[in-house]
Structure formats: structure tokens, C-alpha cells
């Protein structure tokens, strides 16, 4: 069986329209699929009743931004009621947070002599959820940097002037919104936060205490040693496992859509729980 529970479309920072993403998933032989755009359900809502949705086993999904201590985290929500007021309110809150963050980023860049960033980034984003990649693309097109990669390296990446963290809701609020809407909350790509072993265990403990249900043990092209480590952490914490490509766009060394479950270690995975629920 092939699954993928972490993907992105044009509704956030992906390159493909939601329907095209579903068609690509179908071509990849995916049996269960989630479209998990950043802080928006717009992409999922636009395709949830299509033939392609049923063909790839589409479930509701979203990747929500939040904070834990001084760290910005991402929590994937799966198989929730997309019409639940808790989810609608949370997404509205995060949309407002992204708008405020974008304004703050623009002001900081203007202080360095890079003017017009907010207007430019919004034009790039069009109707999608605005984020730092849109600023990076605009900066490259405007000639402020040579490439979007350079924009992150100099201005927008972790610890840089455009890395604004203060607007996200607490981890517990995001997890509870997903749980109250009948879904499962998944701690996305835990090793990307570069926490010490002690802090990572503390994060997982707090995540579980808030109602979190699973850890993402495989994200994109990830070393087998990381898969094994995270699988052991999930089992030791009494949490389920989830996997996803974190697909955004095609590039030479990027992940492809779909994860073959035959390559995964034994364990309790989120699709097992969804099969039981069904």
C-alpha cells in the first residue's frame, strides 16, 4: 500500500494546483492521501468532493503553525471535520497571524533598504496563504538577491531578521482544536527543530499531554537512522506513527509523492486507527 499524509499545493507554498496534486498522487498509485497546506484548508475544500479525491482516498488535512517554548513548530491535522467550528476558528486565527507576520517581515526588510516587500510577496502569493517563500521569490525577482535560496540564507531563514515567530498560537491550542474536531494531531518532522535529545523528549511529552496522537517518523528523503530513531520514540511514548513526502514541487533531489508502507518498521500507524474508526 502507498500512502502520503503530508503534501502541499498552490493553496500554500506548493507548486501544483490541488486537483493536479491529486492527479499526480493517483498516477503514483497512492491509496490514502492528505493535502496538508500550511494554515489553510482551502486546497482540501476545493477538491474534497471530486472523483480524484475518492480515487486516492483523500482525507482532510492541514499543517498548522504553533509555538512551544521559544520554538516554532508544525502540527499536521488529519481526518478531522473540516466544517467544525474549532478548525475554522483556528485557521482564521492563523491566517490573521500570517498577515501580521508578513507586515512585520516587510517592515524589517524596509529597514534594510528593501522596500515594497509586502506588496510584492502578496502578488506572488496571489490567493494562497502568504509565507516566507513568497517573500523569497519576490526578492529574487526584484533583484534584491540572486536567488530565493540566498533570500533565506541572508534574510528569511532561522535566526535571520525575517524569521518572525511571535504570532503563532501555543502548541496545546492547536492540538486541542484538531482533537475537538475529531482528528488526529501529528508532530511534524520532529528532527527539523534541531532540539537536544532532552528537549525533544520534553516536547513529545507536552505534545501527548495536550492530546497529540502521532509522530511523523518519515518526512521526505530522510535517513533510515532517523526513521528508526523516531519510530522508537513514538513507540516509547505511546504515540502512533505517520509518514509523508512533504512534497511541494519537483526538483532533482526532492521527495516524490507516496510512501510504500512495506519499507516501514513495525508499529501502530495512523492509517491503522483510521481503518478501525471506519
Protein backbone atom coordinates (compact mmCIF):
# COMPACT_ATOMS: atom_id res chain seq x y z
CA UNK A 1 0.00 0.00 0.00
CA UNK A 2 1.19 3.52 -0.80
CA UNK A 3 0.19 6.45 1.42
CA UNK A 4 1.10 10.11 1.80
CA UNK A 5 -0.10 12.22 4.71
CA UNK A 6 1.99 15.38 4.22
CA UNK A 7 1.78 17.35 0.96
CA UNK A 8 1.36 20.94 -0.20
CA UNK A 9 -0.39 22.69 -3.07
CA UNK A 10 -0.66 26.20 -4.50
CA UNK A 11 -3.04 26.99 -1.65
CA UNK A 12 0.08 27.48 0.50
CA UNK A 13 3.66 27.11 -0.74
CA UNK A 14 3.40 24.21 -3.18
CA UNK A 15 3.77 24.43 -6.95
CA UNK A 16 0.75 22.40 -8.11
CA UNK A 17 -2.95 23.23 -8.03
CA UNK A 18 -4.84 20.98 -5.60
CA UNK A 19 -6.56 18.98 -8.35
CA UNK A 20 -3.29 18.47 -10.22
CA UNK A 21 -1.70 17.26 -6.97
CA UNK A 22 -4.44 14.64 -6.59
CA UNK A 23 -3.93 13.50 -10.16
CA UNK A 24 -0.21 13.15 -9.52
CA UNK A 25 -0.98 11.11 -6.39
CA UNK A 26 -3.25 8.84 -8.40
CA UNK A 27 -0.51 8.34 -11.00
CA UNK A 28 1.88 7.42 -8.17
CA UNK A 29 -0.51 4.71 -7.00
CA UNK A 30 -1.40 6.37 -3.70
CA UNK A 31 -4.19 4.63 -1.74
CA UNK A 32 -4.61 7.10 1.14
CA UNK A 33 -3.71 10.77 0.82
CA UNK A 34 -3.84 14.06 2.68
CA UNK A 35 -3.37 17.58 1.35
CA UNK A 36 -1.82 19.44 4.29
CA UNK A 37 -1.30 23.04 3.25
CA UNK A 38 0.15 25.49 5.75
CA UNK A 39 -2.54 27.08 7.93
CA UNK A 40 -5.31 26.74 5.36
CA UNK A 41 -7.88 24.16 4.32
CA UNK A 42 -8.72 25.97 1.08
CA UNK A 43 -6.93 23.47 -1.15
CA UNK A 44 -8.56 20.48 0.51
CA UNK A 45 -12.01 22.09 0.47
CA UNK A 46 -11.70 22.83 -3.26
CA UNK A 47 -11.19 19.15 -4.17
CA UNK A 48 -12.78 17.07 -1.41
CA UNK A 49 -15.86 16.17 -3.48
CA UNK A 50 -14.05 15.41 -6.76
CA UNK A 51 -13.69 11.99 -8.37
CA UNK A 52 -9.94 12.28 -7.90
CA UNK A 53 -10.43 12.63 -4.13
CA UNK A 54 -12.15 9.27 -3.88
CA UNK A 55 -9.64 7.64 -6.21
CA UNK A 56 -6.68 8.49 -3.92
CA UNK A 57 -8.53 8.01 -0.63
CA UNK A 58 -8.35 11.70 0.26
CA UNK A 59 -8.85 12.59 3.93
CA UNK A 60 -8.95 16.03 5.49
CA UNK A 61 -5.57 17.53 6.30
CA UNK A 62 -3.77 20.72 7.29
CA UNK A 63 -0.36 21.72 8.69
CA UNK A 64 -0.77 24.25 11.49
CA UNK A 65 1.90 26.58 12.86
CA UNK A 66 2.33 26.94 16.60
CA UNK A 67 4.90 27.62 19.29
CA UNK A 68 6.38 25.58 22.09
CA UNK A 69 8.75 27.37 24.44
CA UNK A 70 10.76 29.53 22.02
CA UNK A 71 10.45 27.11 19.09
CA UNK A 72 8.14 27.40 16.10
CA UNK A 73 6.55 24.02 15.39
CA UNK A 74 4.28 22.46 12.81
CA UNK A 75 1.44 20.10 13.69
CA UNK A 76 -0.31 18.14 10.96
CA UNK A 77 -4.01 17.50 11.50
CA UNK A 78 -5.61 14.50 9.78
CA UNK A 79 -9.09 13.08 9.33
CA UNK A 80 -10.95 15.88 11.15
CA UNK A 81 -14.28 17.52 10.45
CA UNK A 82 -13.27 20.41 8.20
CA UNK A 83 -16.55 22.15 8.98
CA UNK A 84 -16.01 22.01 12.75
CA UNK A 85 -16.04 25.48 14.32
CA UNK A 86 -12.81 24.72 16.20
CA UNK A 87 -10.92 24.20 12.95
CA UNK A 88 -12.49 27.13 11.17
CA UNK A 89 -11.62 29.44 14.07
CA UNK A 90 -8.06 28.14 14.32
CA UNK A 91 -7.41 28.59 10.60
CA UNK A 92 -8.86 32.11 10.73
CA UNK A 93 -6.57 32.90 13.67
CA UNK A 94 -3.54 31.59 11.81
CA UNK A 95 -4.45 33.49 8.64
CA UNK A 96 -4.51 36.69 10.68
CA UNK A 97 -1.20 35.72 12.29
CA UNK A 98 0.36 35.22 8.86
CA UNK A 99 -0.87 38.64 7.73
CA UNK A 100 0.62 40.26 10.83
CA UNK A 101 3.87 38.36 10.40
CA UNK A 102 4.07 39.39 6.73
CA UNK A 103 3.69 43.04 7.72
CA UNK A 104 6.43 42.65 10.32
CA UNK A 105 8.78 40.96 7.83
CA UNK A 106 8.15 43.74 5.31
CA UNK A 107 8.95 46.43 7.86
CA UNK A 108 12.17 44.70 8.86
CA UNK A 109 13.25 44.37 5.24
CA UNK A 110 12.39 48.01 4.61
CA UNK A 111 14.71 48.90 7.46
CA UNK A 112 17.48 47.31 5.39
CA UNK A 113 16.52 49.27 2.30
CA UNK A 114 14.41 46.54 0.66
CA UNK A 115 11.14 48.37 0.02
CA UNK A 116 7.83 47.08 -1.31
CA UNK A 117 8.26 43.57 0.03
CA UNK A 118 4.72 43.11 1.35
CA UNK A 119 3.06 44.19 -1.88
CA UNK A 120 5.47 42.07 -3.89
CA UNK A 121 5.05 38.97 -1.74
CA UNK A 122 1.26 39.26 -1.84
CA UNK A 123 1.37 39.45 -5.63
CA UNK A 124 3.45 36.26 -5.73
CA UNK A 125 1.15 34.53 -3.23
CA UNK A 126 -1.97 35.55 -5.18
CA UNK A 127 -4.80 33.85 -3.25
CA UNK A 128 -2.61 31.40 -1.36
CA UNK A 129 -1.59 31.63 2.29
CA UNK A 130 1.29 34.11 2.44
CA UNK A 131 4.61 32.88 3.77
CA UNK A 132 8.34 33.46 3.64
CA UNK A 133 8.79 31.58 0.32
CA UNK A 134 6.68 34.25 -1.36
CA UNK A 135 8.95 36.95 0.04
CA UNK A 136 11.99 34.98 -1.15
CA UNK A 137 10.61 34.62 -4.68
CA UNK A 138 9.77 38.33 -4.87
CA UNK A 139 13.20 39.34 -3.54
CA UNK A 140 14.87 37.26 -6.25
CA UNK A 141 12.62 38.67 -8.99
CA UNK A 142 13.17 42.24 -7.72
CA UNK A 143 16.93 41.78 -7.78
CA UNK A 144 17.40 42.19 -4.03
CA UNK A 145 19.11 38.78 -4.01
CA UNK A 146 20.39 36.42 -6.68
CA UNK A 147 18.04 33.59 -5.72
CA UNK A 148 15.29 32.56 -3.31
CA UNK A 149 17.87 30.40 -1.55
CA UNK A 150 20.03 33.44 -0.93
CA UNK A 151 16.99 35.29 0.43
CA UNK A 152 16.59 32.63 3.10
CA UNK A 153 20.31 32.42 3.78
CA UNK A 154 20.63 36.17 4.33
CA UNK A 155 17.24 37.45 5.43
CA UNK A 156 14.44 34.92 5.97
CA UNK A 157 15.93 31.73 7.40
CA UNK A 158 16.07 30.64 11.02
CA UNK A 159 17.63 33.32 13.19
CA UNK A 160 17.64 35.91 10.41
CA UNK A 161 15.87 39.27 10.52
CA UNK A 162 12.84 37.94 8.62
CA UNK A 163 12.35 34.94 10.91
CA UNK A 164 9.37 36.26 12.89
CA UNK A 165 8.00 33.78 15.43
CA UNK A 166 5.89 35.68 17.90
CA UNK A 167 2.46 35.41 16.27
CA UNK A 168 1.73 31.68 16.48
CA UNK A 169 -0.72 30.13 18.99
CA UNK A 170 0.53 27.71 21.66
CA UNK A 171 1.05 24.05 20.80
CA UNK A 172 -1.72 22.94 23.15
CA UNK A 173 -4.32 25.18 21.45
CA UNK A 174 -3.55 23.78 18.00
CA UNK A 175 -3.56 20.17 19.17
CA UNK A 176 -6.84 20.62 21.03
CA UNK A 177 -8.54 22.23 18.01
CA UNK A 178 -7.66 19.21 15.88
CA UNK A 179 -8.73 16.74 18.57
CA UNK A 180 -12.01 18.53 19.25
CA UNK A 181 -12.79 18.37 15.51
CA UNK A 182 -12.43 14.57 15.68
CA UNK A 183 -8.99 14.39 14.06
CA UNK A 184 -5.56 13.16 14.99
CA UNK A 185 -2.75 15.65 15.70
CA UNK A 186 0.71 14.70 14.40
CA UNK A 187 4.00 16.29 15.41
CA UNK A 188 5.53 17.08 12.02
CA UNK A 189 9.22 16.42 11.20
CA UNK A 190 10.44 16.47 14.85
CA UNK A 191 14.14 16.39 13.98
CA UNK A 192 13.98 19.55 11.87
CA UNK A 193 13.65 21.66 15.01
CA UNK A 194 17.21 20.69 15.99
CA UNK A 195 16.35 20.17 19.63
CA UNK A 196 18.60 18.36 22.06
CA UNK A 197 17.52 14.84 22.99
CA UNK A 198 16.23 16.09 26.34
CA UNK A 199 14.21 18.93 24.79
CA UNK A 200 12.79 16.64 22.12
CA UNK A 201 11.56 14.22 24.76
CA UNK A 202 10.06 17.13 26.70
CA UNK A 203 8.30 18.35 23.54
CA UNK A 204 6.88 14.90 22.84
CA UNK A 205 5.68 14.62 26.45
CA UNK A 206 3.92 18.00 26.26
CA UNK A 207 2.51 17.16 22.84
CA UNK A 208 1.00 13.93 24.13
CA UNK A 209 -0.34 15.62 27.27
CA UNK A 210 -2.14 18.17 25.05
CA UNK A 211 -3.87 15.36 23.17
CA UNK A 212 -1.38 14.70 20.37
CA UNK A 213 -1.79 11.32 18.70
CA UNK A 214 1.21 10.62 16.48
CA UNK A 215 4.76 11.48 15.48
CA UNK A 216 5.80 11.89 11.86
CA UNK A 217 8.56 9.30 11.64
CA UNK A 218 9.26 9.72 7.93
CA UNK A 219 9.31 13.08 6.15
CA UNK A 220 10.60 13.32 2.60
CA UNK A 221 14.02 11.89 1.81
CA UNK A 222 15.11 11.06 5.32
CA UNK A 223 17.95 8.80 6.54
CA UNK A 224 16.94 5.34 7.71
CA UNK A 225 18.65 6.05 11.04
CA UNK A 226 16.22 8.93 11.64
CA UNK A 227 13.25 6.73 10.74
CA UNK A 228 14.39 4.13 13.26
CA UNK A 229 15.03 6.71 15.99
CA UNK A 230 11.66 8.41 15.58
CA UNK A 231 9.82 5.10 15.39
CA UNK A 232 11.38 4.11 18.70
CA UNK A 233 10.45 7.48 20.23
CA UNK A 234 6.85 7.05 19.09
CA UNK A 235 6.61 3.54 20.50
CA UNK A 236 8.24 4.55 23.77
CA UNK A 237 5.85 7.49 24.14
CA UNK A 238 2.73 5.51 23.33
CA UNK A 239 2.07 7.53 20.17
CA UNK A 240 1.18 6.38 16.66
CA UNK A 241 3.42 6.93 13.65
CA UNK A 242 2.69 8.92 10.50
CA UNK A 243 4.59 9.39 7.24
CA UNK A 244 4.60 11.84 4.36
CA UNK A 245 6.65 13.06 1.44
CA UNK A 246 6.26 16.76 2.39
CA UNK A 247 6.00 17.26 -1.36
CA UNK A 248 6.00 20.87 -2.56
CA UNK A 249 7.35 20.73 -6.11
CA UNK A 250 9.52 18.72 -8.46
CA UNK A 251 13.26 19.14 -8.16
CA UNK A 252 16.17 16.81 -8.78
CA UNK A 253 16.83 15.68 -5.23
CA UNK A 254 13.38 16.32 -3.81
CA UNK A 255 10.94 13.74 -2.50
CA UNK A 256 8.40 12.10 -4.76
CA UNK A 257 4.75 11.62 -3.86
CA UNK A 258 3.87 8.46 -1.99
CA UNK A 259 5.42 6.28 0.72
CA UNK A 260 5.42 2.49 0.29
CA UNK A 261 4.41 1.17 3.71
CA UNK A 262 6.36 -2.04 3.10
CA UNK A 263 9.60 -0.14 3.82
CA UNK A 264 8.44 0.96 7.27
CA UNK A 265 9.29 -0.63 10.63
CA UNK A 266 6.57 -2.49 12.51
CA UNK A 267 4.38 -0.20 14.58
CA UNK A 268 1.00 1.42 15.00
CA UNK A 269 0.40 3.87 12.17
CA UNK A 270 -2.32 6.47 11.75
CA UNK A 271 -3.99 4.58 8.91
CA UNK A 272 -4.48 1.62 11.23
CA UNK A 273 -6.52 3.83 13.57
CA UNK A 274 -8.50 5.26 10.67
CA UNK A 275 -9.30 1.75 9.45
CA UNK A 276 -10.54 0.87 12.95
CA UNK A 277 -12.61 4.05 13.06
CA UNK A 278 -14.13 3.22 9.68
